Amino acid sequence: MGYLGSQPATNFETVKKDRYTSITGTGITLSHSVSSVQDIIVWVNSVKQDYTSYSVNGTALTLGGSLVSSDITEVAYIGRTFQTVNPADATITTAKLADSAVTAAKITDSTITAAKITDSTITAAKLASGVVQNQSTFKNIVINGDMSLAQRGTSISSVTTNTYTLDRWTTEGDDCTMTVSQDTDVPTAQGFTTSLKMDVTSANGSLDAGDNVILSQRFEGRMLQHLKKGTSGAESLTVSFWVKNTVAGTYIVMLQDDDNTRHISKSYTISSANTWEQKEITFAGDTTGAFGNDSNRSLRLQFIIDAGTDLTSGTLATSWASNTTANRAAGITTGWSTSTSNNFWLTGVQMEIGTSKSDFEFLPYDVNERRCQRYYWVHDNLTTFYAPYSSNDAYNTYWNNFPVPMRAAPTITETSSRGWSVANKTRYIYETYRSPAGNYVPPDYTADAEI
């Protein structure tokens, strides 16, 4: 027979019985303490007594009538436990446990160890959503979320709108003038060494209706196909990040679908000024409008830090919807851009599939660098030489590959005009009227293929 708890007794002893003679009156002192009249059976002169006719209190038995010295009273103890045993190993099987009989509250800390779990007993089907964190490689769709790469420089001043600063991060909006820098102010003991800092250097006296301050990362469509957007299986996305702000209040994170002119916004709260806080925001999957499978801009992750009434006069679009400007940042705390005392820091930005955050994915520095070089690359003429590719009497041609294939044929910006031209997205061609043919150190330049 199945059982739950201690194994039933398999060995028994004779029921304990006391015999009393030469007692007068109604009281008897028992040899064992009992808690209920139903724990004993009482006979007087071999006649069983109804349990409603006597009472007990520990070892004191009180009968309903008086005894005379010739009466014989017998008491049997039927409520005593005579034997208990612990269940043998492997005797309690799954089939013997009712559904929900074993709860977390009934399991003490550290009682279930790896050694007690047999192989293959815990399957994905037995785990609730979010119990095991996302452990897939490159789970973070954001590039340079730890703000460790700054090819353009560690401090960029006079920033207003559409200015790339730290790798893959750009400002949008024209509400004020800022210095954007790579800062060493980071949350304690989280593994981060750098953050992105936005410092207001020329404040906006008052917000105009169309003003806004936005920090954004842009994504090409071919990097987003696993999100299955526009299908019934569209994936939810969770954005987590560490943030610090000189102004406590409500701020907005928005996803902007540029392929289908759709958006979704969620708010978060800065609870304490000048304090690092981690935030987690989940966006439902969008079953309308697929991302293009190409290298063009399909999605933007936007941190809205300030906004005028054009962006705030509606109702916050907390579900995917067609673009409505007034619904982008409704409820935001306004005025961040109106004082040069205000700063905003951000690091540890992660956007991943699922409805809960996982630990931040720290990539090796060289891996992170090459991911950034797909969009932007700084050439150092002190370390790179170019061999001749072809020559004739008029000029020599030199070539070299980019470190990684770039998103598209990049825009080359030289320190001096020397006739560079881009052959395709993986190499460039340099032409110069110079002889004799031989190795040549080209000028400094940048290759920009940002979205």
Protein backbone atom coordinates (compact mmCIF):
# COMPACT_ATOMS: atom_id res chain seq x y z
CA MET A 1 0.00 0.00 0.00
CA GLY A 2 1.32 3.47 -0.81
CA TYR A 3 2.07 5.91 1.97
CA LEU A 4 3.29 9.46 2.44
CA GLY A 5 5.71 10.36 5.25
CA SER A 6 7.21 7.83 7.66
CA GLN A 7 6.89 4.18 6.75
CA PRO A 8 4.07 2.40 8.67
CA ALA A 9 5.15 0.08 11.47
CA THR A 10 6.08 -3.42 10.39
CA ASN A 11 6.62 -4.79 13.93
CA PHE A 12 4.01 -4.67 16.69
CA GLU A 13 3.84 -5.18 20.46
CA THR A 14 0.91 -6.20 22.64
CA VAL A 15 -1.47 -3.36 23.44
CA LYS A 16 -0.64 -1.98 26.88
CA LYS A 17 -3.34 -2.66 29.49
CA ASP A 18 -3.55 -1.68 33.17
CA ARG A 19 -5.65 -3.47 35.83
CA TYR A 20 -6.89 -1.70 38.96
CA THR A 21 -8.50 -3.30 42.07
CA SER A 22 -9.48 -2.17 45.56
CA ILE A 23 -10.12 1.38 44.35
CA THR A 24 -13.03 3.37 45.66
CA GLY A 25 -14.43 6.64 44.33
CA THR A 26 -14.27 8.03 40.77
CA GLY A 27 -10.57 8.74 40.28
CA ILE A 28 -7.80 6.48 38.92
CA THR A 29 -4.19 7.42 38.26
CA LEU A 30 -3.04 5.99 34.93
CA SER A 31 0.45 4.63 34.22
CA HIS A 32 0.67 6.60 30.94
CA SER A 33 -0.38 10.13 30.08
CA VAL A 34 -3.06 10.44 27.41
CA SER A 35 -4.59 13.45 25.67
CA SER A 36 -8.05 12.20 24.78
CA VAL A 37 -10.71 9.80 26.04
CA GLN A 38 -10.43 8.11 22.66
CA ASP A 39 -6.83 7.12 23.44
CA ILE A 40 -8.04 4.53 25.96
CA ILE A 41 -10.72 1.85 26.39
CA VAL A 42 -12.13 1.38 29.91
CA TRP A 43 -13.82 -1.75 31.34
CA VAL A 44 -15.43 -2.01 34.78
CA ASN A 45 -16.11 -5.57 35.83
CA SER A 46 -15.62 -6.63 32.16
CA VAL A 47 -18.25 -4.13 30.97
CA LYS A 48 -16.87 -1.71 28.36
CA GLN A 49 -17.59 1.90 29.31
CA ASP A 50 -18.79 4.44 26.78
CA TYR A 51 -16.05 7.07 26.30
CA THR A 52 -18.62 9.79 26.98
CA SER A 53 -18.98 8.49 30.54
CA TYR A 54 -15.41 9.30 31.65
CA SER A 55 -12.81 11.98 31.19
CA VAL A 56 -9.00 12.15 31.17
CA ASN A 57 -6.40 14.79 31.88
CA GLY A 58 -2.89 13.44 31.42
CA THR A 59 -2.65 10.53 33.87
CA ALA A 60 -5.90 11.40 35.72
CA LEU A 61 -8.91 9.26 34.75
CA THR A 62 -12.29 10.33 36.15
CA LEU A 63 -15.12 7.79 35.90
CA GLY A 64 -18.80 8.65 35.64
CA GLY A 65 -19.71 6.60 38.72
CA SER A 66 -18.09 5.62 42.02
CA LEU A 67 -16.17 2.35 42.41
CA VAL A 68 -16.34 0.05 45.36
CA SER A 69 -13.37 -1.94 46.58
CA SER A 70 -14.58 -5.16 44.94
CA ASP A 71 -14.76 -3.59 41.44
CA ILE A 72 -12.11 -4.50 38.83
CA THR A 73 -11.19 -1.72 36.37
CA GLU A 74 -9.11 -2.33 33.21
CA VAL A 75 -7.67 0.34 30.90
CA ALA A 76 -6.21 -0.38 27.41
CA TYR A 77 -4.01 2.29 25.76
CA ILE A 78 -4.90 2.40 22.06
CA GLY A 79 -3.52 5.88 21.19
CA ARG A 80 0.16 5.13 21.86
CA THR A 81 2.77 4.84 19.09
CA PHE A 82 4.77 1.71 19.61
CA GLN A 83 7.15 1.85 16.62
CA THR A 84 8.22 4.31 13.94
CA VAL A 85 10.76 3.78 11.19
CA ASN A 86 12.32 5.97 8.51
CA PRO A 87 11.50 5.05 4.93
CA ALA A 88 14.20 3.10 3.16
CA ASP A 89 16.04 4.69 0.24
CA ALA A 90 14.06 4.82 -3.01
CA THR A 91 10.82 3.61 -1.35
CA ILE A 92 8.97 6.90 -2.00
CA THR A 93 8.42 7.11 -5.74
CA THR A 94 6.78 9.77 -7.88
CA ALA A 95 3.66 7.61 -8.14
CA LYS A 96 3.24 7.75 -4.33
CA LEU A 97 3.21 11.56 -4.22
CA ALA A 98 0.03 13.48 -4.89
CA ASP A 99 0.23 16.49 -7.20
CA SER A 100 1.55 19.56 -5.37
CA ALA A 101 2.19 17.55 -2.19
CA VAL A 102 5.83 18.62 -2.06
CA THR A 103 6.13 22.41 -2.14
CA ALA A 104 9.12 24.73 -1.92
CA ALA A 105 8.09 25.69 1.62
CA LYS A 106 8.50 22.04 2.71
CA ILE A 107 12.06 21.76 1.42
CA THR A 108 14.78 23.17 3.64
CA ASP A 109 17.74 25.00 2.13
CA SER A 110 20.49 22.82 0.67
CA THR A 111 18.58 19.53 1.14
CA ILE A 112 18.43 18.84 -2.60
CA THR A 113 21.95 18.55 -3.96
CA ALA A 114 23.26 17.64 -7.40
CA ALA A 115 24.26 14.20 -6.09
CA LYS A 116 20.60 13.47 -5.25
CA ILE A 117 19.33 14.23 -8.75
CA THR A 118 19.65 11.38 -11.22
CA ASP A 119 20.60 12.04 -14.82
CA SER A 120 17.83 13.31 -17.10
CA THR A 121 15.25 13.65 -14.32
CA ILE A 122 14.92 17.42 -14.74
CA THR A 123 13.72 18.24 -18.24
CA ALA A 124 12.79 21.50 -19.93
CA ALA A 125 9.11 20.54 -19.69
CA LYS A 126 9.37 20.40 -15.89
CA LEU A 127 10.83 23.90 -15.54
CA ALA A 128 8.62 26.96 -15.28
CA SER A 129 9.33 29.83 -17.64
CA GLY A 130 12.24 31.96 -16.44
CA VAL A 131 13.55 29.41 -13.89
CA VAL A 132 16.74 28.85 -15.87
CA GLN A 133 18.32 32.00 -17.23
CA ASN A 134 19.08 32.48 -20.91
CA GLN A 135 22.49 30.88 -21.35
CA SER A 136 22.79 30.98 -25.16
CA THR A 137 25.90 32.49 -26.74
CA PHE A 138 25.43 36.00 -28.15
CA LYS A 139 22.06 36.24 -26.45
CA ASN A 140 22.54 40.00 -26.15
CA ILE A 141 21.32 41.75 -29.29
CA VAL A 142 22.91 45.01 -28.10
CA ILE A 143 26.53 45.52 -29.20
CA ASN A 144 28.91 47.23 -26.77
CA GLY A 145 26.36 47.22 -23.97
CA ASP A 146 29.17 47.46 -21.41
CA MET A 147 30.41 50.67 -23.10
CA SER A 148 33.96 49.29 -23.36
CA LEU A 149 34.60 50.36 -27.00
CA ALA A 150 35.12 54.02 -27.90
CA GLN A 151 36.92 54.14 -31.26
CA ARG A 152 35.83 57.72 -31.91
CA GLY A 153 37.34 58.88 -28.63
CA THR A 154 36.62 58.70 -24.93
CA SER A 155 35.10 62.20 -24.82
CA ILE A 156 33.09 63.88 -27.57
CA SER A 157 31.97 67.47 -27.00
CA SER A 158 29.35 69.71 -28.63
CA VAL A 159 27.02 66.76 -29.19
CA THR A 160 23.48 67.61 -30.28
CA THR A 161 21.60 65.31 -32.63
CA ASN A 162 22.43 62.16 -34.60
CA THR A 163 25.98 62.00 -33.31
CA TYR A 164 27.68 58.64 -32.81
CA THR A 165 29.76 58.61 -29.64
CA LEU A 166 30.80 55.35 -27.97
CA ASP A 167 30.68 52.52 -30.48
CA ARG A 168 27.15 51.71 -31.73
CA TRP A 169 25.54 54.43 -29.56
CA THR A 170 24.12 57.60 -31.10
CA THR A 171 22.23 60.60 -29.83
CA GLU A 172 18.92 61.65 -31.39
CA GLY A 173 17.02 64.88 -30.78
CA ASP A 174 18.26 68.46 -30.44
CA ASP A 175 17.15 69.59 -27.00
CA CYS A 176 20.56 70.68 -25.65
CA THR A 177 24.31 70.47 -26.18
CA MET A 178 26.21 67.72 -24.36
CA THR A 179 29.55 66.09 -23.86
CA VAL A 180 29.27 62.33 -24.20
CA SER A 181 32.13 60.38 -22.67
CA GLN A 182 33.33 56.94 -21.64
CA ASP A 183 33.32 57.17 -17.85
CA THR A 184 34.73 54.99 -15.08
CA ASP A 185 31.74 55.58 -12.79
CA VAL A 186 30.09 52.14 -12.71
CA PRO A 187 27.85 50.09 -10.40
CA THR A 188 29.82 48.40 -7.63
CA ALA A 189 30.90 44.75 -7.96
CA GLN A 190 28.99 44.05 -11.18
CA GLY A 191 32.00 43.47 -13.47
CA PHE A 192 31.69 46.70 -15.45
CA THR A 193 34.65 49.05 -15.90
CA THR A 194 33.08 51.75 -18.07
CA SER A 195 29.80 53.56 -18.59
CA LEU A 196 28.43 56.06 -21.08
CA LYS A 197 27.99 59.50 -19.54
CA MET A 198 25.86 62.31 -20.99
CA ASP A 199 26.70 65.72 -19.49
CA VAL A 200 24.60 68.79 -20.32
CA THR A 201 27.06 71.59 -21.24
CA SER A 202 24.63 74.06 -22.82
CA ALA A 203 21.18 73.84 -21.28
CA ASN A 204 17.86 74.38 -23.00
CA GLY A 205 16.12 77.22 -21.17
CA SER A 206 12.71 75.67 -21.70
CA LEU A 207 11.32 72.70 -23.59
CA ASP A 208 9.77 73.39 -26.96
CA ALA A 209 7.03 71.04 -28.11
CA GLY A 210 9.30 69.11 -30.48
CA ASP A 211 12.37 68.94 -28.24
CA ASN A 212 13.78 65.62 -27.06
CA VAL A 213 16.96 63.95 -25.85
CA ILE A 214 17.40 60.32 -26.91
CA LEU A 215 20.24 57.80 -26.70
CA SER A 216 19.80 55.06 -29.27
CA GLN A 217 21.25 51.88 -30.72
CA ARG A 218 20.21 50.85 -34.22
CA PHE A 219 19.96 47.30 -35.57
CA GLU A 220 20.03 45.91 -39.10
CA GLY A 221 17.25 43.55 -40.09
CA ARG A 222 19.37 40.51 -40.84
CA MET A 223 20.48 40.48 -37.20
CA LEU A 224 16.86 40.25 -35.99
CA GLN A 225 15.30 37.40 -37.96
CA HIS A 226 15.33 35.06 -34.94
CA LEU A 227 12.80 37.38 -33.26
CA LYS A 228 10.14 36.12 -35.71
CA LYS A 229 8.49 39.50 -35.74
CA GLY A 230 5.30 39.64 -37.77
CA THR A 231 4.43 36.00 -37.07
CA SER A 232 2.25 34.25 -34.50
CA GLY A 233 5.44 33.08 -32.79
CA ALA A 234 6.92 36.57 -32.33
CA GLU A 235 9.36 36.58 -29.42
CA SER A 236 9.14 38.80 -26.37
CA LEU A 237 12.20 40.89 -25.60
CA THR A 238 13.56 41.84 -22.19
CA VAL A 239 15.80 44.88 -21.85
CA SER A 240 17.91 45.19 -18.70
CA PHE A 241 20.39 47.93 -17.86
CA TRP A 242 22.17 49.83 -15.11
CA VAL A 243 21.35 53.54 -14.98
CA LYS A 244 22.29 56.56 -12.89
CA ASN A 245 20.69 59.98 -13.21
CA THR A 246 21.01 63.28 -11.38
CA VAL A 247 17.24 63.73 -11.65
CA ALA A 248 14.93 61.18 -10.02
CA GLY A 249 11.67 60.51 -11.84
CA THR A 250 10.08 58.60 -14.69
CA TYR A 251 11.88 57.88 -17.97
CA ILE A 252 11.11 55.91 -21.12
CA VAL A 253 12.59 53.03 -23.11
CA MET A 254 11.12 52.60 -26.59
CA LEU A 255 11.47 50.07 -29.41
CA GLN A 256 11.01 51.70 -32.83
CA ASP A 257 10.27 49.42 -35.80
CA ASP A 258 11.53 51.44 -38.77
CA ASP A 259 10.48 48.85 -41.36
CA ASN A 260 6.80 48.99 -40.43
CA THR A 261 6.54 52.38 -38.66
CA ARG A 262 5.47 50.79 -35.36
CA HIS A 263 6.58 51.34 -31.80
CA ILE A 264 6.16 50.28 -28.19
CA SER A 265 7.22 52.21 -25.04
CA LYS A 266 7.66 51.31 -21.39
CA SER A 267 8.50 53.55 -18.44
CA TYR A 268 10.93 53.00 -15.60
CA THR A 269 11.59 54.97 -12.42
CA ILE A 270 14.80 56.51 -11.13
CA SER A 271 14.10 56.07 -7.43
CA SER A 272 17.15 57.89 -6.07
CA ALA A 273 19.18 60.59 -7.76
CA ASN A 274 22.90 59.93 -8.32
CA THR A 275 22.51 56.25 -7.48
CA TRP A 276 23.15 53.24 -9.72
CA GLU A 277 19.96 51.23 -10.19
CA GLN A 278 19.31 48.17 -12.34
CA LYS A 279 16.12 48.15 -14.41
CA GLU A 280 14.30 45.39 -16.28
CA ILE A 281 11.64 45.99 -18.95
CA THR A 282 9.84 43.34 -21.02
CA PHE A 283 8.28 44.06 -24.41
CA ALA A 284 5.75 41.65 -25.88
CA GLY A 285 6.45 40.16 -29.30
CA ASP A 286 4.83 41.92 -32.26
CA THR A 287 2.78 39.70 -34.56
CA THR A 288 2.41 42.53 -37.11
CA GLY A 289 5.11 43.52 -39.60
CA ALA A 290 8.25 41.50 -40.27
CA PHE A 291 11.75 42.96 -40.25
CA GLY A 292 13.46 43.13 -43.62
CA ASN A 293 16.16 40.47 -44.04
CA ASP A 294 18.85 42.91 -45.16
CA SER A 295 21.56 45.21 -43.86
CA ASN A 296 19.28 48.25 -43.56
CA ARG A 297 18.03 49.75 -40.30
CA SER A 298 15.03 47.85 -38.96
CA LEU A 299 14.90 48.52 -35.21
CA ARG A 300 16.01 51.13 -32.71
CA LEU A 301 16.37 50.75 -28.95
CA GLN A 302 15.82 54.26 -27.59
CA PHE A 303 16.40 55.66 -24.11
CA ILE A 304 14.26 58.83 -23.96
CA ILE A 305 15.71 61.17 -21.34
CA ASP A 306 13.72 64.36 -22.04
CA ALA A 307 10.84 65.26 -24.34
CA GLY A 308 8.47 68.10 -25.21
CA THR A 309 4.71 67.92 -25.55
CA ASP A 310 4.84 66.56 -29.11
CA LEU A 311 6.03 63.28 -27.58
CA THR A 312 4.16 63.40 -24.27
CA SER A 313 0.63 64.70 -24.89
CA GLY A 314 -0.93 61.29 -25.63
CA THR A 315 -1.09 57.94 -23.85
CA LEU A 316 2.07 55.85 -23.56
CA ALA A 317 2.05 53.09 -26.20
CA THR A 318 2.72 50.12 -23.91
CA SER A 319 1.58 47.70 -26.65
CA TRP A 320 2.81 47.57 -30.22
CA ALA A 321 0.99 50.10 -32.39
CA SER A 322 1.42 52.26 -35.45
CA ASN A 323 3.59 55.28 -34.82
CA THR A 324 1.88 58.06 -32.90
CA THR A 325 4.36 60.73 -31.86
CA ALA A 326 2.29 61.90 -28.88
CA ASN A 327 2.34 58.36 -27.40
CA ARG A 328 6.11 57.89 -27.42
CA ALA A 329 7.03 59.38 -24.04
CA ALA A 330 3.81 60.19 -22.19
CA GLY A 331 4.44 60.34 -18.44
CA ILE A 332 8.15 61.17 -18.63
CA THR A 333 9.68 63.50 -16.06
CA THR A 334 10.61 66.53 -18.16
CA GLY A 335 13.34 69.12 -17.73
CA TRP A 336 16.55 67.02 -17.66
CA SER A 337 18.03 69.12 -20.47
CA THR A 338 17.31 72.47 -18.81
CA SER A 339 20.28 72.47 -16.40
CA THR A 340 24.01 72.04 -16.87
CA SER A 341 24.06 70.27 -13.50
CA ASN A 342 22.39 67.21 -15.00
CA ASN A 343 24.13 64.00 -16.05
CA PHE A 344 22.98 60.58 -17.21
CA TRP A 345 25.03 57.35 -17.01
CA LEU A 346 24.26 54.01 -18.65
CA THR A 347 25.97 50.61 -18.76
CA GLY A 348 25.19 46.89 -18.77
CA VAL A 349 22.56 47.22 -21.49
CA GLN A 350 21.21 43.84 -22.60
CA MET A 351 18.29 43.00 -24.90
CA GLU A 352 17.45 39.32 -25.13
CA ILE A 353 14.65 36.97 -26.06
CA GLY A 354 12.38 36.05 -23.16
CA THR A 355 10.23 37.53 -20.43
CA SER A 356 12.92 37.87 -17.76
CA LYS A 357 16.49 39.11 -17.68
CA SER A 358 19.56 36.96 -17.30
CA ASP A 359 23.07 37.86 -16.18
CA PHE A 360 24.85 40.32 -18.45
CA GLU A 361 26.82 38.62 -21.22
CA PHE A 362 30.43 39.78 -21.02
CA LEU A 363 32.17 39.09 -24.34
CA PRO A 364 35.96 39.03 -24.76
CA TYR A 365 37.26 42.48 -25.69
CA ASP A 366 38.51 41.35 -29.11
CA VAL A 367 35.13 39.83 -29.97
CA ASN A 368 33.31 43.00 -28.94
CA GLU A 369 35.79 45.09 -30.94
CA ARG A 370 35.23 43.13 -34.16
CA ARG A 371 31.46 43.36 -33.79
CA CYS A 372 31.84 47.14 -33.56
CA GLN A 373 34.23 47.25 -36.55
CA ARG A 374 31.44 45.98 -38.80
CA TYR A 375 30.00 49.50 -38.48
CA TYR A 376 33.02 51.73 -37.84
CA TRP A 377 36.79 51.40 -38.09
CA VAL A 378 39.67 53.76 -37.35
CA HIS A 379 42.80 53.22 -39.47
CA ASP A 380 46.15 53.80 -37.80
CA ASN A 381 48.82 54.67 -40.35
CA LEU A 382 51.59 53.90 -37.89
CA THR A 383 50.87 50.18 -37.81
CA THR A 384 49.42 49.24 -41.23
CA PHE A 385 51.35 49.01 -44.47
CA TYR A 386 49.87 48.42 -47.90
CA ALA A 387 51.61 46.48 -50.64
CA PRO A 388 51.29 47.42 -54.35
CA TYR A 389 48.32 45.90 -56.12
CA SER A 390 49.10 47.18 -59.65
CA SER A 391 51.07 49.97 -61.28
CA ASN A 392 51.72 51.68 -64.58
CA ASP A 393 53.58 54.73 -65.75
CA ALA A 394 50.99 57.12 -64.30
CA TYR A 395 50.19 55.77 -60.85
CA ASN A 396 50.42 52.90 -58.40
CA THR A 397 47.42 51.19 -56.80
CA TYR A 398 47.47 49.83 -53.22
CA TRP A 399 44.89 47.71 -51.40
CA ASN A 400 44.12 46.05 -48.08
CA ASN A 401 41.13 44.31 -46.47
CA PHE A 402 39.12 45.84 -43.65
CA PRO A 403 39.45 43.97 -40.31
CA VAL A 404 35.97 42.47 -40.80
CA PRO A 405 33.38 42.70 -43.60
CA MET A 406 31.54 45.94 -43.00
CA ARG A 407 27.77 46.31 -43.06
CA ALA A 408 27.95 48.18 -46.38
CA ALA A 409 30.50 50.04 -48.46
CA PRO A 410 31.73 52.57 -45.88
CA THR A 411 32.23 56.29 -46.12
CA ILE A 412 35.98 57.00 -46.00
CA THR A 413 37.06 60.17 -44.20
CA GLU A 414 40.75 61.03 -44.66
CA THR A 415 42.97 63.48 -42.84
CA SER A 416 44.03 64.70 -46.31
CA SER A 417 42.62 64.08 -49.77
CA ARG A 418 44.62 61.36 -51.53
CA GLY A 419 42.08 59.71 -53.79
CA TRP A 420 40.84 56.78 -51.73
CA SER A 421 37.98 54.81 -53.23
CA VAL A 422 35.99 51.85 -51.93
CA ALA A 423 35.96 48.78 -54.14
CA ASN A 424 33.40 46.85 -52.06
CA LYS A 425 32.41 46.25 -48.49
CA THR A 426 35.48 44.15 -47.67
CA ARG A 427 38.36 46.17 -49.20
CA TYR A 428 39.29 49.66 -50.36
CA ILE A 429 41.60 50.84 -53.20
CA TYR A 430 44.15 53.59 -52.88
CA GLU A 431 45.50 55.36 -55.95
CA THR A 432 48.34 57.84 -55.97
CA TYR A 433 50.61 59.48 -58.50
CA ARG A 434 53.79 58.34 -56.91
CA SER A 435 56.88 56.51 -58.08
CA PRO A 436 58.67 54.29 -57.86
CA ALA A 437 56.21 51.54 -56.94
CA GLY A 438 56.67 50.19 -53.45
CA ASN A 439 55.25 50.02 -49.95
CA TYR A 440 53.37 53.13 -48.86
CA VAL A 441 51.98 54.33 -45.54
CA PRO A 442 48.50 55.74 -46.23
CA PRO A 443 47.00 58.63 -44.25
CA ASP A 444 44.79 58.25 -41.19
CA TYR A 445 41.15 57.71 -42.02
CA THR A 446 37.90 56.32 -40.69
CA ALA A 447 35.55 53.87 -42.40
CA ASP A 448 31.93 54.48 -41.40
CA ALA A 449 29.11 52.06 -42.22
CA GLU A 450 26.75 52.95 -39.38
CA ILE A 451 23.04 52.63 -39.95
